Amino acid sequence: MDLRYIAEKRVDAKIKFQENLYKYLIVNTIIAIICFVFLQSFWLLAFVMFFWGIGVLDDFFNAYSLGDYREKMVQKELQRMGD
């Protein structure tokens, strides 16, 4: 596989995570203000934060953890096959 292609995929995953995190923070801040001022209850905020947070967490693992871990495993397997 081309190294540039791999690097572009990693960068794209990191950008996707960062954009999703910023949107998550902004929208949840707005919902928190609305809940505090008008609803006097935070069940809507908790609902949105939980389910959207799962998506943000998935983007994080795809961008930072799982890609690197997978790459290390592939390199180990290639070394074993070469020996």
Protein backbone atom coordinates (compact mmCIF):
# COMPACT_ATOMS: atom_id res chain seq x y z
CA MET A 1 0.00 0.00 0.00
CA ASP A 2 1.12 3.53 -0.67
CA LEU A 3 2.42 5.36 2.41
CA ARG A 4 0.83 8.62 1.30
CA TYR A 5 -2.57 6.93 1.11
CA ILE A 6 -2.18 5.57 4.64
CA ALA A 7 -1.07 8.97 5.95
CA GLU A 8 -4.04 10.66 4.26
CA LYS A 9 -6.45 8.17 5.83
CA ARG A 10 -4.98 8.82 9.28
CA VAL A 11 -5.13 12.58 8.85
CA ASP A 12 -8.71 12.39 7.58
CA ALA A 13 -9.74 10.30 10.60
CA LYS A 14 -8.11 12.81 12.97
CA ILE A 15 -9.80 15.75 11.26
CA LYS A 16 -13.16 13.97 11.40
CA PHE A 17 -12.72 13.34 15.12
CA GLN A 18 -11.73 16.93 15.85
CA GLU A 19 -14.64 18.38 13.87
CA ASN A 20 -17.11 16.03 15.53
CA LEU A 21 -15.72 16.88 18.98
CA TYR A 22 -16.03 20.64 18.38
CA LYS A 23 -19.62 20.23 17.17
CA TYR A 24 -20.38 18.01 20.15
CA LEU A 25 -19.10 20.61 22.60
CA ILE A 26 -20.86 23.55 20.95
CA VAL A 27 -24.24 21.84 20.53
CA ASN A 28 -24.23 20.37 24.02
CA THR A 29 -23.36 23.75 25.51
CA ILE A 30 -26.34 25.29 23.72
CA ILE A 31 -28.63 22.46 24.83
CA ALA A 32 -27.36 22.83 28.41
CA ILE A 33 -28.22 26.54 28.39
CA ILE A 34 -31.67 25.84 26.93
CA CYS A 35 -32.30 23.08 29.47
CA PHE A 36 -31.19 25.27 32.37
CA VAL A 37 -33.17 28.35 31.33
CA PHE A 38 -36.38 26.86 29.95
CA LEU A 39 -36.79 23.24 31.03
CA GLN A 40 -35.25 23.18 34.50
CA SER A 41 -34.31 19.60 33.69
CA PHE A 42 -31.29 18.01 32.10
CA TRP A 43 -32.70 14.73 30.75
CA LEU A 44 -32.52 16.00 27.15
CA LEU A 45 -28.89 16.99 27.60
CA ALA A 46 -28.00 13.64 29.14
CA PHE A 47 -29.72 11.79 26.30
CA VAL A 48 -27.90 13.75 23.58
CA MET A 49 -24.55 13.66 25.36
CA PHE A 50 -24.69 9.90 25.87
CA PHE A 51 -25.62 8.80 22.36
CA TRP A 52 -23.62 11.41 20.48
CA GLY A 53 -20.74 10.77 22.88
CA ILE A 54 -20.64 7.15 21.73
CA GLY A 55 -20.05 8.38 18.18
CA VAL A 56 -17.34 10.81 19.30
CA LEU A 57 -15.63 8.05 21.25
CA ASP A 58 -15.74 5.79 18.20
CA ASP A 59 -14.16 8.53 16.07
CA PHE A 60 -11.45 8.96 18.71
CA PHE A 61 -10.54 5.28 18.70
CA ASN A 62 -10.54 5.19 14.90
CA ALA A 63 -8.31 8.27 14.69
CA TYR A 64 -5.78 7.60 17.42
CA SER A 65 -5.83 4.19 19.01
CA LEU A 66 -7.11 1.48 16.74
CA GLY A 67 -5.31 2.59 13.58
CA ASP A 68 -1.93 2.58 15.25
CA TYR A 69 -2.58 -0.70 17.03
CA ARG A 70 -3.72 -2.33 13.78
CA GLU A 71 -0.66 -1.04 11.97
CA LYS A 72 1.65 -2.46 14.63
CA MET A 73 -0.06 -5.84 14.37
CA VAL A 74 0.28 -5.82 10.58
CA GLN A 75 3.99 -5.00 10.86
CA LYS A 76 4.53 -7.83 13.36
CA GLU A 77 2.71 -10.27 11.11
CA LEU A 78 4.77 -9.18 8.10
CA GLN A 79 7.97 -9.69 10.09
CA ARG A 80 6.84 -13.16 11.16
CA MET A 81 6.00 -14.09 7.58
CA GLY A 82 9.39 -12.86 6.40
CA ASP A 83 11.33 -14.93 8.92
